[in-house]
Structures are given as C-alpha cells and as structure tokens.
N, C-alpha and C. Protein backbone atom coordinates (compact mmCIF):
# COMPACT_ATOMS: atom_id res chain seq x y z
N MET A 1 -23.80 16.67 -4.90
CA MET A 1 -24.14 16.74 -6.39
C MET A 1 -22.72 16.58 -7.24
N GLU A 2 -21.61 16.07 -6.43
CA GLU A 2 -20.25 16.22 -7.28
C GLU A 2 -20.33 14.96 -7.95
N VAL A 3 -21.22 14.03 -7.82
CA VAL A 3 -21.72 12.66 -9.02
C VAL A 3 -21.94 13.62 -10.20
N LEU A 4 -22.39 14.84 -10.33
CA LEU A 4 -22.54 15.29 -11.94
C LEU A 4 -21.33 15.58 -12.59
N ARG A 5 -20.39 16.20 -11.59
CA ARG A 5 -18.95 16.56 -11.70
C ARG A 5 -18.09 15.36 -12.29
N ASP A 6 -18.19 14.31 -11.53
CA ASP A 6 -17.54 13.29 -11.56
C ASP A 6 -17.80 12.54 -13.00
N GLN A 7 -19.03 12.74 -13.37
CA GLN A 7 -19.48 11.93 -14.66
C GLN A 7 -19.44 13.05 -15.84
N GLY A 8 -18.58 13.92 -15.80
CA GLY A 8 -18.54 14.64 -16.88
C GLY A 8 -19.88 15.80 -17.41
N GLU A 9 -20.46 16.07 -16.31
CA GLU A 9 -21.82 16.77 -16.54
C GLU A 9 -21.62 18.20 -15.92
N ASP A 10 -20.80 19.02 -16.73
CA ASP A 10 -20.07 20.11 -16.27
C ASP A 10 -21.27 21.03 -16.20
N ARG A 11 -22.27 21.11 -17.04
CA ARG A 11 -23.04 22.14 -17.50
C ARG A 11 -24.36 22.07 -16.44
N HIS A 12 -24.56 20.57 -16.15
CA HIS A 12 -25.70 20.46 -15.33
C HIS A 12 -25.00 20.84 -13.60
N TYR A 13 -23.73 20.43 -13.58
CA TYR A 13 -23.04 20.75 -12.18
C TYR A 13 -22.77 22.29 -12.06
N ALA A 14 -22.49 23.11 -12.98
CA ALA A 14 -22.39 24.44 -12.82
C ALA A 14 -23.78 24.97 -12.71
N THR A 15 -24.86 24.54 -13.07
CA THR A 15 -26.15 25.17 -12.77
C THR A 15 -26.42 24.94 -11.29
N PHE A 16 -26.43 23.70 -10.74
CA PHE A 16 -26.61 23.53 -9.47
C PHE A 16 -25.64 24.14 -8.30
N ARG A 17 -24.53 24.29 -8.56
CA ARG A 17 -23.53 25.45 -7.95
C ARG A 17 -24.08 26.56 -7.95
N THR A 18 -24.36 27.19 -9.15
CA THR A 18 -24.94 28.52 -9.31
C THR A 18 -26.02 28.69 -8.25
N MET A 19 -27.10 27.87 -8.47
CA MET A 19 -28.26 27.83 -7.62
C MET A 19 -27.95 27.74 -5.96
N THR A 20 -27.10 26.90 -5.76
CA THR A 20 -26.71 26.60 -4.38
C THR A 20 -26.04 27.98 -3.69
N GLU A 21 -25.08 28.54 -4.60
CA GLU A 21 -24.43 29.78 -3.91
C GLU A 21 -25.41 30.91 -3.94
N ALA A 22 -26.38 30.96 -4.94
CA ALA A 22 -27.43 32.33 -4.78
C ALA A 22 -28.23 31.92 -3.71
N TYR A 23 -28.50 30.58 -3.23
CA TYR A 23 -29.45 30.25 -2.11
C TYR A 23 -28.77 30.85 -0.91
N PHE A 24 -27.34 30.40 -0.73
CA PHE A 24 -26.65 30.85 0.56
C PHE A 24 -26.52 32.29 0.57
N THR A 25 -26.27 32.87 -0.55
CA THR A 25 -25.93 34.27 -0.41
C THR A 25 -27.31 35.04 -0.21
N ALA A 26 -28.36 34.50 -0.54
CA ALA A 26 -29.47 35.23 -0.37
C ALA A 26 -29.76 35.27 0.98
N PHE A 27 -29.59 34.02 1.53
CA PHE A 27 -29.72 33.74 3.08
C PHE A 27 -29.20 34.61 3.78
N ARG A 28 -27.79 34.47 3.46
CA ARG A 28 -26.73 35.46 4.25
C ARG A 28 -26.85 36.64 4.27
N GLU A 29 -27.39 37.21 3.34
CA GLU A 29 -27.96 38.56 3.04
C GLU A 29 -29.17 39.16 3.46
N GLY A 30 -29.96 38.09 4.33
CA GLY A 30 -31.25 38.09 5.00
C GLY A 30 -32.58 38.07 4.20
N ASP A 31 -32.46 37.55 2.96
CA ASP A 31 -33.55 37.29 2.78
C ASP A 31 -34.38 36.28 3.11
N SER A 32 -35.44 36.32 3.55
CA SER A 32 -36.04 35.25 4.52
C SER A 32 -36.60 34.02 3.75
N ASN A 33 -37.19 34.38 2.64
CA ASN A 33 -37.58 33.39 1.54
C ASN A 33 -36.49 32.87 0.65
N ALA A 34 -35.38 32.84 1.17
CA ALA A 34 -34.28 32.49 0.15
C ALA A 34 -34.62 30.89 -0.34
N ILE A 35 -35.17 30.17 0.48
CA ILE A 35 -35.29 28.81 0.33
C ILE A 35 -36.33 28.57 -0.86
N ALA A 36 -37.18 29.53 -1.27
CA ALA A 36 -38.05 29.24 -2.18
C ALA A 36 -37.47 29.28 -3.60
N ALA A 37 -36.47 29.94 -3.90
CA ALA A 37 -35.65 29.60 -5.14
C ALA A 37 -34.97 28.03 -5.40
N MET A 38 -34.64 27.84 -4.29
CA MET A 38 -34.06 26.35 -4.03
C MET A 38 -35.29 25.49 -4.26
N ILE A 39 -36.34 25.62 -3.64
CA ILE A 39 -37.48 24.65 -3.93
C ILE A 39 -38.09 24.45 -5.28
N ASP A 40 -37.79 26.07 -5.76
CA ASP A 40 -38.68 26.09 -7.48
C ASP A 40 -37.61 25.30 -8.24
N PHE A 41 -36.20 25.27 -7.88
CA PHE A 41 -35.21 24.69 -8.56
C PHE A 41 -35.51 23.35 -8.87
N TYR A 42 -35.64 22.58 -7.72
CA TYR A 42 -35.93 21.16 -7.97
C TYR A 42 -37.47 21.03 -8.22
N GLY A 43 -38.55 21.49 -7.71
CA GLY A 43 -39.73 21.32 -7.97
C GLY A 43 -40.40 22.09 -9.06
N GLY A 44 -39.69 22.84 -9.92
CA GLY A 44 -40.40 23.38 -10.92
C GLY A 44 -40.88 25.00 -10.44
N PRO A 45 -40.83 25.93 -11.55
CA PRO A 45 -41.37 27.40 -11.12
C PRO A 45 -42.72 27.45 -10.38
N GLY A 46 -42.66 28.32 -9.33
CA GLY A 46 -44.10 28.39 -8.68
C GLY A 46 -44.27 27.19 -7.35
N THR A 47 -43.69 26.43 -7.12
CA THR A 47 -43.83 25.12 -6.45
C THR A 47 -43.93 25.71 -5.02
N PHE A 48 -42.84 26.27 -4.67
CA PHE A 48 -42.80 27.34 -3.27
C PHE A 48 -44.08 27.63 -2.89
N ALA A 49 -44.63 28.70 -3.78
CA ALA A 49 -45.80 29.63 -3.90
C ALA A 49 -47.04 28.66 -3.77
N SER A 50 -47.11 27.48 -4.11
CA SER A 50 -48.34 26.57 -4.17
C SER A 50 -48.42 25.76 -3.05
N TRP A 51 -47.42 26.08 -2.19
CA TRP A 51 -47.47 25.33 -0.87
C TRP A 51 -48.27 25.94 0.13
N PRO A 52 -49.06 25.23 1.10
CA PRO A 52 -49.55 25.92 1.94
C PRO A 52 -49.04 26.85 2.95
N ALA A 53 -49.58 27.94 3.34
CA ALA A 53 -48.77 28.83 4.18
C ALA A 53 -47.82 28.06 5.30
N ARG A 54 -48.48 27.20 6.24
CA ARG A 54 -47.83 26.43 7.05
C ARG A 54 -46.55 25.93 6.64
N VAL A 55 -46.60 25.40 5.36
CA VAL A 55 -45.44 24.52 5.02
C VAL A 55 -44.41 25.48 4.52
N ARG A 56 -44.83 26.60 3.84
CA ARG A 56 -44.20 27.51 3.49
C ARG A 56 -43.42 28.14 4.63
N ALA A 57 -44.17 28.47 5.78
CA ALA A 57 -43.34 28.87 7.26
C ALA A 57 -42.47 28.10 7.50
N TYR A 58 -42.78 26.73 7.74
CA TYR A 58 -41.90 25.79 8.08
C TYR A 58 -40.55 25.64 7.38
N ALA A 59 -40.73 25.55 6.36
CA ALA A 59 -39.42 25.55 5.06
C ALA A 59 -38.63 26.96 5.65
N VAL A 60 -39.28 28.24 5.63
CA VAL A 60 -38.45 29.34 5.95
C VAL A 60 -37.83 29.27 7.37
N GLU A 61 -38.44 28.85 8.19
CA GLU A 61 -38.27 28.73 9.71
C GLU A 61 -36.90 27.60 9.87
N THR A 62 -36.78 26.43 9.08
CA THR A 62 -35.77 25.67 9.13
C THR A 62 -34.74 25.88 8.09
N THR A 63 -34.71 27.11 7.30
CA THR A 63 -33.50 27.33 6.60
C THR A 63 -32.43 27.08 7.08
N PRO A 64 -31.95 27.85 8.08
CA PRO A 64 -30.73 27.47 8.60
C PRO A 64 -30.33 26.24 9.08
N VAL A 65 -30.91 25.19 9.10
CA VAL A 65 -30.78 23.81 9.13
C VAL A 65 -30.62 23.11 7.92
N ASN A 66 -31.41 23.57 6.58
CA ASN A 66 -30.96 23.06 5.53
C ASN A 66 -29.92 23.32 5.12
N ILE A 67 -29.46 24.68 5.43
CA ILE A 67 -28.05 25.15 4.75
C ILE A 67 -27.11 24.35 5.44
N LEU A 68 -27.07 24.17 6.69
CA LEU A 68 -26.00 23.49 7.35
C LEU A 68 -25.68 22.16 6.44
N ASP A 69 -27.03 21.64 6.42
CA ASP A 69 -26.88 20.20 6.13
C ASP A 69 -26.20 20.17 4.65
N TRP A 70 -26.70 21.23 3.80
CA TRP A 70 -26.00 21.24 2.52
C TRP A 70 -24.65 21.44 2.67
N ARG A 71 -24.02 22.35 3.56
CA ARG A 71 -22.60 22.72 3.60
C ARG A 71 -21.96 21.49 4.04
N ARG A 72 -22.50 20.63 4.89
CA ARG A 72 -21.72 19.32 5.28
C ARG A 72 -21.84 18.32 4.14
N ARG A 73 -22.55 18.10 3.39
CA ARG A 73 -22.52 17.37 1.98
C ARG A 73 -21.46 17.61 1.38
N THR A 74 -20.58 16.47 0.87
CA THR A 74 -19.32 16.41 0.07
C THR A 74 -19.73 15.41 -0.86
N GLY A 75 -20.87 14.69 -1.36
CA GLY A 75 -20.91 13.91 -2.43
C GLY A 75 -21.25 12.50 -1.96
N PHE A 76 -21.85 11.65 -2.80
CA PHE A 76 -22.14 10.59 -2.62
C PHE A 76 -21.29 9.50 -2.13
N HIS A 77 -19.83 9.75 -2.39
CA HIS A 77 -18.72 8.74 -1.89
C HIS A 77 -18.59 8.71 -0.22
N SER A 78 -18.67 10.29 0.27
CA SER A 78 -18.54 10.47 1.49
C SER A 78 -19.59 9.91 2.44
N LEU A 79 -20.88 10.12 1.63
CA LEU A 79 -22.16 9.63 2.30
C LEU A 79 -22.29 7.89 2.71
N ARG A 80 -21.59 7.42 1.65
CA ARG A 80 -21.09 5.97 1.76
C ARG A 80 -20.20 5.54 2.94
N GLN A 81 -19.14 6.36 2.98
CA GLN A 81 -17.90 6.34 4.14
C GLN A 81 -18.84 6.51 5.75
N ARG A 82 -19.92 7.55 5.59
CA ARG A 82 -20.40 7.80 6.78
C ARG A 82 -21.42 6.88 7.28
N SER A 83 -22.09 6.59 6.27
CA SER A 83 -22.98 5.20 6.41
C SER A 83 -22.08 4.08 6.95
N ALA A 84 -21.10 3.68 6.49
CA ALA A 84 -20.41 2.67 6.75
C ALA A 84 -19.88 2.79 8.50
N ARG A 85 -19.61 3.82 8.54
CA ARG A 85 -18.89 4.17 10.13
C ARG A 85 -20.38 3.85 10.87
N ALA A 86 -21.45 4.53 10.22
CA ALA A 86 -22.50 4.62 11.60
C ALA A 86 -22.88 3.06 11.76
N ALA A 87 -23.12 2.18 10.60
CA ALA A 87 -23.45 0.77 10.38
C ALA A 87 -22.42 -0.29 11.04
N GLY A 88 -21.05 0.37 11.10
CA GLY A 88 -20.18 -0.48 11.40
C GLY A 88 -19.31 -1.14 10.34
N THR A 89 -18.23 -1.12 10.42
CA THR A 89 -17.14 -1.73 9.01
C THR A 89 -17.36 -3.12 8.91
N ARG A 90 -17.72 -3.50 9.93
CA ARG A 90 -17.54 -4.95 9.95
C ARG A 90 -19.08 -5.77 9.41
N ASP A 91 -19.91 -4.73 8.89
CA ASP A 91 -21.40 -5.03 8.48
C ASP A 91 -20.81 -5.40 7.00
N PRO A 92 -21.17 -6.65 6.41
CA PRO A 92 -20.70 -7.13 5.14
C PRO A 92 -21.62 -6.03 4.07
N ARG A 93 -22.69 -5.53 4.39
CA ARG A 93 -23.13 -4.58 3.42
C ARG A 93 -22.43 -3.40 2.81
N TRP A 94 -21.08 -2.98 3.77
CA TRP A 94 -20.66 -2.08 3.62
C TRP A 94 -19.44 -2.66 3.16
N ARG A 95 -18.74 -3.42 2.85
CA ARG A 95 -17.49 -4.17 2.42
C ARG A 95 -17.31 -3.85 0.81
N LYS A 96 -16.13 -3.33 0.67
CA LYS A 96 -16.21 -3.05 -0.84
C LYS A 96 -15.88 -4.42 -1.62
N PRO A 97 -16.39 -4.51 -2.91
CA PRO A 97 -16.70 -5.48 -3.60
C PRO A 97 -15.02 -6.03 -4.01
C-alpha cells in the first residue's frame, strides 16, 4: 500500500498502517481471531462473522501465512521487479518504456 503514501494519501496510508500493525500485534499476542479485524477492514463491519464457520476456520488457520505474505510486501514497484525476474528480464512486457 505504499502507493497511497507515494500519491500523497497520507490519511489513508496511516489508516492502513494502523490496521496492519493492530492485526500483527493482536496475532503476536495470541488473538486467534486477529484476522477478523483485517477482513472487516476490507470487507466492511461484520464480514468475517458472516462467513460460514468452515471459511472462518480456514482464515484463522492460515493467518500465519497471511502475515508472512504481508511482511514480505514492499509495494507495487517491487512487485513489478519480482515479476520481471520471474518472467525473465528479456520478456518485452517487462521492459521499461
């Protein structure tokens, strides 16, 4: 979400960072349903609770992987760079204009 900061959307970026840190902290402190707040942040209040029990259980079970993925994310610019490496730097779709 660094794109928000890069575009001067400081308030939205701060809201995103606050939610992310609260999510990471809640999980680190043992809140097994920490992911619920993140899901509700994006889907709206009550989204997590509205999911079937099996889907909620899967989300809770895979929270450590979700957090690992989020921590590795560094923004859209580096995503493009990683994709270019995966596709091959000679691929014309990944050359700079």
